[in-house]
Amino acid sequence: MATARWAPIASFLLVLPALLLLPPAASSAAMVFPLHGNPLLRDDEHGVPAKPYFLDIDTGSDLTWVECDAPC
């Protein structure tokens, strides 16, 4: 009975090295910007192939968005 009790922990310890060796995700749905002060002007490239976007981030707002040039 004691062996069955430790089985989940042993399984986790066997899988843990493989999880640590996985490469990080290639892309993320979130971006982190260092925001200080009022409006922040920033230019970034997004997409494949990369296209420049010029952002005017309003730090006093709850919502930040990027206008796309594709039909919505």
C-alpha atoms as a PDB file:
ATOM      1  CA  MET A   1       0.000   0.000   0.000  1.00  0.00           C
ATOM      2  CA  ALA A   2       2.821   2.422   0.702  1.00  0.00           C
ATOM      3  CA  THR A   3       4.085   2.047  -2.871  1.00  0.00           C
ATOM      4  CA  ALA A   4       0.725   3.126  -4.315  1.00  0.00           C
ATOM      5  CA  ARG A   5       0.758   6.180  -2.075  1.00  0.00           C
ATOM      6  CA  TRP A   6       4.077   7.398  -3.523  1.00  0.00           C
ATOM      7  CA  ALA A   7       3.288   6.536  -7.169  1.00  0.00           C
ATOM      8  CA  PRO A   8       1.983  10.027  -8.157  1.00  0.00           C
ATOM      9  CA  ILE A   9       5.033  11.714  -6.655  1.00  0.00           C
ATOM     10  CA  ALA A  10       7.413   9.285  -8.348  1.00  0.00           C
ATOM     11  CA  SER A  11       5.659   9.865 -11.695  1.00  0.00           C
ATOM     12  CA  PHE A  12       6.001  13.623 -11.289  1.00  0.00           C
ATOM     13  CA  LEU A  13       9.692  13.358 -10.437  1.00  0.00           C
ATOM     14  CA  LEU A  14      10.276  11.221 -13.533  1.00  0.00           C
ATOM     15  CA  VAL A  15       8.577  13.781 -15.812  1.00  0.00           C
ATOM     16  CA  LEU A  16      10.082  16.887 -14.189  1.00  0.00           C
ATOM     17  CA  PRO A  17      13.483  16.787 -15.991  1.00  0.00           C
ATOM     18  CA  ALA A  18      11.731  16.564 -19.366  1.00  0.00           C
ATOM     19  CA  LEU A  19       9.564  19.588 -18.518  1.00  0.00           C
ATOM     20  CA  LEU A  20      12.626  21.611 -17.561  1.00  0.00           C
ATOM     21  CA  LEU A  21      14.309  20.840 -20.891  1.00  0.00           C
ATOM     22  CA  LEU A  22      11.384  22.015 -23.041  1.00  0.00           C
ATOM     23  CA  PRO A  23      12.130  25.181 -25.026  1.00  0.00           C
ATOM     24  CA  PRO A  24      10.101  28.266 -24.118  1.00  0.00           C
ATOM     25  CA  ALA A  25       7.087  29.118 -26.244  1.00  0.00           C
ATOM     26  CA  ALA A  26       7.966  30.848 -29.521  1.00  0.00           C
ATOM     27  CA  SER A  27       5.361  33.546 -29.092  1.00  0.00           C
ATOM     28  CA  SER A  28       3.005  34.865 -26.507  1.00  0.00           C
ATOM     29  CA  ALA A  29      -0.399  36.474 -26.619  1.00  0.00           C
ATOM     30  CA  ALA A  30       0.664  39.022 -24.011  1.00  0.00           C
ATOM     31  CA  MET A  31       3.240  41.787 -24.134  1.00  0.00           C
ATOM     32  CA  VAL A  32       4.823  43.687 -21.270  1.00  0.00           C
ATOM     33  CA  PHE A  33       5.662  47.364 -21.722  1.00  0.00           C
ATOM     34  CA  PRO A  34       7.559  49.498 -19.216  1.00  0.00           C
ATOM     35  CA  LEU A  35       4.980  52.243 -18.627  1.00  0.00           C
ATOM     36  CA  HIS A  36       5.926  55.448 -16.835  1.00  0.00           C
ATOM     37  CA  GLY A  37       4.111  58.766 -16.933  1.00  0.00           C
ATOM     38  CA  ASN A  38       1.371  59.824 -19.328  1.00  0.00           C
ATOM     39  CA  PRO A  39       1.091  58.673 -22.969  1.00  0.00           C
ATOM     40  CA  LEU A  40       3.888  56.394 -24.055  1.00  0.00           C
ATOM     41  CA  LEU A  41       4.924  56.500 -27.703  1.00  0.00           C
ATOM     42  CA  ARG A  42       6.367  53.220 -28.902  1.00  0.00           C
ATOM     43  CA  ASP A  43       7.000  51.532 -32.223  1.00  0.00           C
ATOM     44  CA  ASP A  44       7.013  47.738 -32.426  1.00  0.00           C
ATOM     45  CA  GLU A  45       6.940  45.134 -35.146  1.00  0.00           C
ATOM     46  CA  HIS A  46       4.304  42.393 -35.031  1.00  0.00           C
ATOM     47  CA  GLY A  47       3.311  39.493 -37.248  1.00  0.00           C
ATOM     48  CA  VAL A  48       5.011  37.310 -39.822  1.00  0.00           C
ATOM     49  CA  PRO A  49       6.418  38.987 -41.832  1.00  0.00           C
ATOM     50  CA  ALA A  50       6.969  41.723 -39.281  1.00  0.00           C
ATOM     51  CA  LYS A  51       5.100  44.969 -39.909  1.00  0.00           C
ATOM     52  CA  PRO A  52       5.754  48.173 -37.964  1.00  0.00           C
ATOM     53  CA  TYR A  53       3.029  49.461 -35.642  1.00  0.00           C
ATOM     54  CA  PHE A  54       3.253  52.843 -33.961  1.00  0.00           C
ATOM     55  CA  LEU A  55       1.571  52.749 -30.564  1.00  0.00           C
ATOM     56  CA  ASP A  56       0.331  55.630 -28.448  1.00  0.00           C
ATOM     57  CA  ILE A  57      -0.303  53.908 -25.132  1.00  0.00           C
ATOM     58  CA  ASP A  58      -2.567  55.843 -22.781  1.00  0.00           C
ATOM     59  CA  THR A  59      -1.478  54.803 -19.292  1.00  0.00           C
ATOM     60  CA  GLY A  60      -4.598  56.337 -17.764  1.00  0.00           C
ATOM     61  CA  SER A  61      -6.919  53.911 -19.561  1.00  0.00           C
ATOM     62  CA  ASP A  62      -7.988  50.354 -18.722  1.00  0.00           C
ATOM     63  CA  LEU A  63      -7.887  49.289 -22.381  1.00  0.00           C
ATOM     64  CA  THR A  64      -4.975  49.323 -24.820  1.00  0.00           C
ATOM     65  CA  TRP A  65      -5.549  48.283 -28.436  1.00  0.00           C
ATOM     66  CA  VAL A  66      -3.750  48.227 -31.763  1.00  0.00           C
ATOM     67  CA  GLU A  67      -5.634  49.177 -34.920  1.00  0.00           C
ATOM     68  CA  CYS A  68      -5.097  46.725 -37.751  1.00  0.00           C
ATOM     69  CA  ASP A  69      -5.198  47.536 -41.458  1.00  0.00           C
ATOM     70  CA  ALA A  70      -7.191  44.397 -42.321  1.00  0.00           C
ATOM     71  CA  PRO A  71     -10.971  44.298 -42.725  1.00  0.00           C
ATOM     72  CA  CYS A  72     -12.600  43.440 -39.418  1.00  0.00           C
END
